Amino acid sequence: EEVASALDLEIAGFVAGVLALESVLTPAEREIGTAAIDLGATHTAAAVYLRGRLRAVAVLGLGGFHVTRDLSVAFGLSRAKAEELKIAAFSSDGDWRATPAGKVAAARLGEILELIRDELALAGWIGRLPGGFVLTGGGAIPRNVLGLAGEILWTGSLRFPQLEYVGSMVAGPGFAVILGAAQAVRAYGNGGGPGVVAKGLTGGDRGAYSDYANIKVIGVGGGG
């Protein structure tokens, strides 16, 4: 709201980020059974689709910011320097987890991914997703994250989203959710369709997915 106000823009409504993950997956992925995982700054979310419909959601109040904070505390660095160290650790060659920074970063990110995996396992989705997992969000950008996530999620089918409808400059995982939100607004308008939460909607309207989706929120923080 502060950014919109500074740019003199009027906010017509809001799109729940986790529901914007619908547009991260292709129609085929949503049909056969696929989970999209968004590694955000202050939260991590997962959305499971099967037969074209949202079936489960889990939101965890931990994200890339918490990896940065751990590095800041462990090495006595400013947040900016810790962020640089995190990106360097997740992007380095060789046995990156053997370095001091790599150990700290891998431990926290591993914990986040394990918590999301365990929630999906508890709901019975692990082993039932032929489409595997699509990893997105700014936290997914460094190259070593994909390999770590594949180990923890017990899957060989893990990839970044294929956003064919956008230019190459914004086609990476860091832009996927915001582009998905734009797609949701385009698809459903501002009338509160699935995934769109607009100002003034009633509680019933806000629960557009509640009839058939298992939605679980775990310790959501500021980004949830």
Protein backbone atom coordinates (compact mmCIF):
# COMPACT_ATOMS: atom_id res chain seq x y z
CA GLU A 1 0.00 0.00 0.00
CA GLU A 2 2.89 2.39 0.73
CA VAL A 3 4.42 1.75 -2.71
CA ALA A 4 1.08 2.24 -4.46
CA SER A 5 0.49 5.45 -2.53
CA ALA A 6 3.94 6.78 -3.43
CA LEU A 7 3.20 6.10 -7.12
CA ASP A 8 -0.27 7.64 -6.84
CA LEU A 9 -1.95 4.35 -7.74
CA GLU A 10 -5.30 3.15 -6.48
CA ILE A 11 -5.48 -0.40 -5.12
CA ALA A 12 -8.46 -2.20 -6.62
CA GLY A 13 -7.93 -5.43 -4.71
CA PHE A 14 -5.51 -8.08 -3.53
CA VAL A 15 -4.43 -11.50 -4.79
CA ALA A 16 -3.30 -14.08 -2.25
CA GLY A 17 0.23 -15.00 -3.28
CA VAL A 18 -0.14 -18.70 -2.61
CA LEU A 19 -3.22 -18.85 -4.86
CA ALA A 20 -1.33 -17.01 -7.60
CA LEU A 21 0.77 -20.17 -7.88
CA GLU A 22 -1.98 -21.53 -10.13
CA SER A 23 -0.52 -19.56 -13.03
CA VAL A 24 2.98 -20.85 -12.29
CA LEU A 25 1.88 -24.32 -13.40
CA THR A 26 0.84 -25.30 -16.91
CA PRO A 27 -2.66 -26.73 -17.47
CA ALA A 28 -1.08 -30.16 -17.97
CA GLU A 29 0.81 -29.92 -14.66
CA ARG A 30 -2.35 -28.89 -12.82
CA GLU A 31 -4.20 -31.82 -14.36
CA ILE A 32 -1.80 -34.69 -13.62
CA GLY A 33 -0.88 -33.65 -10.07
CA THR A 34 1.88 -31.14 -9.31
CA ALA A 35 2.94 -29.04 -6.34
CA ALA A 36 4.28 -25.50 -6.71
CA ILE A 37 6.56 -24.28 -3.91
CA ASP A 38 7.24 -20.58 -3.49
CA LEU A 39 10.41 -19.74 -1.55
CA GLY A 40 9.69 -16.16 -0.52
CA ALA A 41 11.52 -13.74 1.73
CA THR A 42 9.45 -14.15 4.89
CA HIS A 43 7.30 -17.14 4.05
CA THR A 44 7.33 -20.35 2.05
CA ALA A 45 4.14 -21.67 0.48
CA ALA A 46 3.09 -24.82 -1.34
CA ALA A 47 0.03 -25.37 -3.50
CA VAL A 48 -1.00 -28.81 -4.77
CA TYR A 49 -3.05 -29.16 -7.95
CA LEU A 50 -4.72 -32.30 -9.26
CA ARG A 51 -7.29 -32.72 -12.04
CA GLY A 52 -7.08 -29.03 -12.70
CA ARG A 53 -8.10 -27.91 -9.22
CA LEU A 54 -6.36 -26.68 -6.11
CA ARG A 55 -6.32 -29.50 -3.55
CA ALA A 56 -4.07 -28.36 -0.71
CA VAL A 57 -2.16 -25.34 0.51
CA ALA A 58 0.50 -24.99 3.21
CA VAL A 59 2.06 -21.70 4.26
CA LEU A 60 5.08 -21.54 6.55
CA GLY A 61 6.27 -18.35 8.24
CA LEU A 62 9.91 -18.90 7.29
CA GLY A 63 11.77 -17.89 4.15
CA GLY A 64 14.96 -16.54 2.64
CA PHE A 65 15.09 -13.66 5.12
CA HIS A 66 15.58 -16.16 7.94
CA VAL A 67 18.56 -17.71 6.14
CA THR A 68 20.05 -14.22 5.85
CA ARG A 69 19.36 -13.51 9.52
CA ASP A 70 21.08 -16.71 10.62
CA LEU A 71 24.18 -15.77 8.62
CA SER A 72 24.09 -12.25 10.05
CA VAL A 73 24.03 -13.58 13.61
CA ALA A 74 26.54 -16.38 13.01
CA PHE A 75 29.20 -14.17 11.42
CA GLY A 76 28.42 -10.77 12.93
CA LEU A 77 27.48 -9.21 9.59
CA SER A 78 25.04 -6.53 8.53
CA ARG A 79 21.93 -7.80 6.80
CA ALA A 80 23.21 -6.53 3.47
CA LYS A 81 26.54 -8.35 3.83
CA ALA A 82 24.78 -11.48 5.08
CA GLU A 83 22.54 -11.42 2.01
CA GLU A 84 25.60 -11.26 -0.23
CA LEU A 85 27.16 -14.16 1.67
CA LYS A 86 23.98 -16.21 1.31
CA ILE A 87 23.85 -15.73 -2.44
CA ALA A 88 27.56 -16.55 -2.74
CA ALA A 89 27.14 -19.72 -0.65
CA PHE A 90 24.17 -20.96 -2.68
CA SER A 91 25.94 -20.14 -5.95
CA SER A 92 29.43 -21.52 -5.27
CA ASP A 93 31.01 -24.51 -6.96
CA GLY A 94 32.12 -27.76 -5.38
CA ASP A 95 31.05 -28.95 -1.94
CA TRP A 96 29.37 -25.68 -0.97
CA ARG A 97 27.77 -27.17 2.15
CA ALA A 98 31.22 -27.88 3.63
CA THR A 99 32.02 -24.16 3.96
CA PRO A 100 31.07 -22.31 7.19
CA ALA A 101 28.53 -20.13 5.40
CA GLY A 102 27.22 -23.08 3.42
CA LYS A 103 26.60 -25.09 6.58
CA VAL A 104 24.53 -22.32 8.13
CA ALA A 105 22.58 -21.53 4.96
CA ALA A 106 21.89 -25.16 4.11
CA ALA A 107 20.76 -25.94 7.65
CA ARG A 108 18.11 -23.22 7.69
CA LEU A 109 16.87 -23.68 4.14
CA GLY A 110 16.87 -27.44 4.67
CA GLU A 111 14.69 -27.00 7.75
CA ILE A 112 12.22 -24.85 5.80
CA LEU A 113 11.94 -27.37 2.99
CA GLU A 114 11.60 -30.26 5.44
CA LEU A 115 8.71 -28.54 7.20
CA ILE A 116 6.88 -28.00 3.91
CA ARG A 117 7.61 -31.58 2.84
CA ASP A 118 6.33 -32.96 6.14
CA GLU A 119 3.08 -31.00 5.82
CA LEU A 120 2.52 -32.37 2.33
CA ALA A 121 3.40 -35.86 3.55
CA LEU A 122 0.97 -35.54 6.46
CA ALA A 123 -1.76 -34.65 3.99
CA GLY A 124 -0.85 -37.69 1.90
CA TRP A 125 0.58 -35.93 -1.16
CA ILE A 126 4.18 -37.12 -1.17
CA GLY A 127 4.43 -39.96 -3.70
CA ARG A 128 1.12 -39.00 -5.34
CA LEU A 129 2.32 -36.22 -7.63
CA PRO A 130 3.31 -37.49 -11.09
CA GLY A 131 4.11 -33.92 -12.08
CA GLY A 132 6.56 -33.54 -9.22
CA PHE A 133 7.41 -30.09 -7.90
CA VAL A 134 7.87 -26.67 -9.45
CA LEU A 135 10.12 -24.39 -7.41
CA THR A 136 9.69 -20.65 -7.59
CA GLY A 137 10.30 -17.43 -5.66
CA GLY A 138 13.37 -15.29 -5.11
CA GLY A 139 14.83 -17.87 -2.74
CA ALA A 140 14.94 -20.42 -5.56
CA ILE A 141 17.20 -18.38 -7.85
CA PRO A 142 20.73 -19.41 -6.66
CA ARG A 143 21.80 -22.53 -8.53
CA ASN A 144 22.50 -24.80 -5.55
CA VAL A 145 18.99 -24.41 -4.12
CA LEU A 146 17.40 -26.68 -6.70
CA GLY A 147 19.69 -29.60 -5.84
CA LEU A 148 19.17 -29.21 -2.10
CA ALA A 149 15.40 -29.03 -2.57
CA GLY A 150 15.40 -32.17 -4.71
CA GLU A 151 17.16 -34.14 -1.97
CA ILE A 152 14.82 -32.98 0.77
CA LEU A 153 11.60 -33.33 -1.20
CA TRP A 154 12.53 -36.91 -2.16
CA THR A 155 11.96 -36.30 -5.84
CA GLY A 156 13.88 -36.31 -9.09
CA SER A 157 11.13 -34.30 -10.73
CA LEU A 158 11.89 -30.76 -9.62
CA ARG A 159 12.15 -27.76 -11.93
CA PHE A 160 11.59 -24.06 -12.37
CA PRO A 161 8.34 -22.79 -13.90
CA GLN A 162 8.08 -22.44 -17.66
CA LEU A 163 6.54 -19.00 -18.15
CA GLU A 164 6.16 -18.95 -21.90
CA TYR A 165 3.88 -15.92 -21.94
CA VAL A 166 6.52 -13.45 -20.70
CA GLY A 167 9.81 -12.06 -21.95
CA SER A 168 13.11 -13.59 -20.96
CA MET A 169 13.97 -10.72 -18.60
CA VAL A 170 11.19 -11.67 -16.17
CA ALA A 171 10.88 -15.40 -16.91
CA GLY A 172 12.93 -16.57 -13.92
CA PRO A 173 11.54 -18.01 -10.68
CA GLY A 174 11.89 -14.71 -8.85
CA PHE A 175 9.09 -13.12 -10.89
CA ALA A 176 6.77 -16.12 -11.17
CA VAL A 177 4.37 -15.36 -8.31
CA ILE A 178 3.84 -11.69 -9.18
CA LEU A 179 3.23 -12.70 -12.79
CA GLY A 180 0.86 -15.38 -11.55
CA ALA A 181 -1.02 -12.73 -9.58
CA ALA A 182 -1.33 -10.63 -12.71
CA GLN A 183 -2.62 -13.64 -14.61
CA ALA A 184 -5.18 -14.32 -11.86
CA VAL A 185 -6.50 -10.77 -12.06
CA ARG A 186 -6.64 -11.01 -15.84
CA ALA A 187 -8.48 -14.34 -15.70
CA TYR A 188 -10.94 -13.54 -12.92
CA GLY A 189 -11.16 -9.76 -13.00
CA ASN A 190 -11.67 -7.79 -9.83
CA GLY A 191 -14.87 -9.50 -8.82
CA GLY A 192 -13.40 -11.90 -6.30
CA GLY A 193 -13.05 -15.04 -8.39
CA PRO A 194 -10.76 -17.87 -7.30
CA GLY A 195 -7.49 -16.48 -6.05
CA VAL A 196 -8.65 -12.87 -5.98
CA VAL A 197 -9.36 -11.22 -2.66
CA ALA A 198 -10.77 -7.75 -3.27
CA LYS A 199 -11.63 -5.07 -0.74
CA GLY A 200 -15.20 -5.29 0.49
CA LEU A 201 -15.76 -8.99 -0.14
CA THR A 202 -17.66 -10.99 2.43
CA GLY A 203 -16.11 -13.85 4.34
CA GLY A 204 -17.88 -16.34 2.09
CA ASP A 205 -16.50 -14.72 -1.03
CA ARG A 206 -13.01 -14.79 0.42
CA GLY A 207 -13.22 -18.57 0.83
CA ALA A 208 -13.59 -19.26 -2.87
CA TYR A 209 -11.42 -22.37 -2.61
CA SER A 210 -12.61 -23.59 0.76
CA ASP A 211 -15.09 -26.14 -0.58
CA TYR A 212 -12.43 -28.41 -2.02
CA ALA A 213 -8.99 -27.32 -0.83
CA ASN A 214 -7.22 -28.34 2.34
CA ILE A 215 -5.63 -25.07 3.45
CA LYS A 216 -3.14 -25.02 6.29
CA VAL A 217 -1.22 -22.01 7.58
CA ILE A 218 1.75 -22.65 9.85
CA GLY A 219 3.16 -19.79 11.93
CA VAL A 220 2.74 -17.15 9.27
CA GLY A 221 4.92 -14.09 9.72
CA GLY A 222 4.95 -10.72 8.05
CA GLY A 223 5.03 -12.09 4.52
CA GLY A 224 2.18 -14.54 5.01
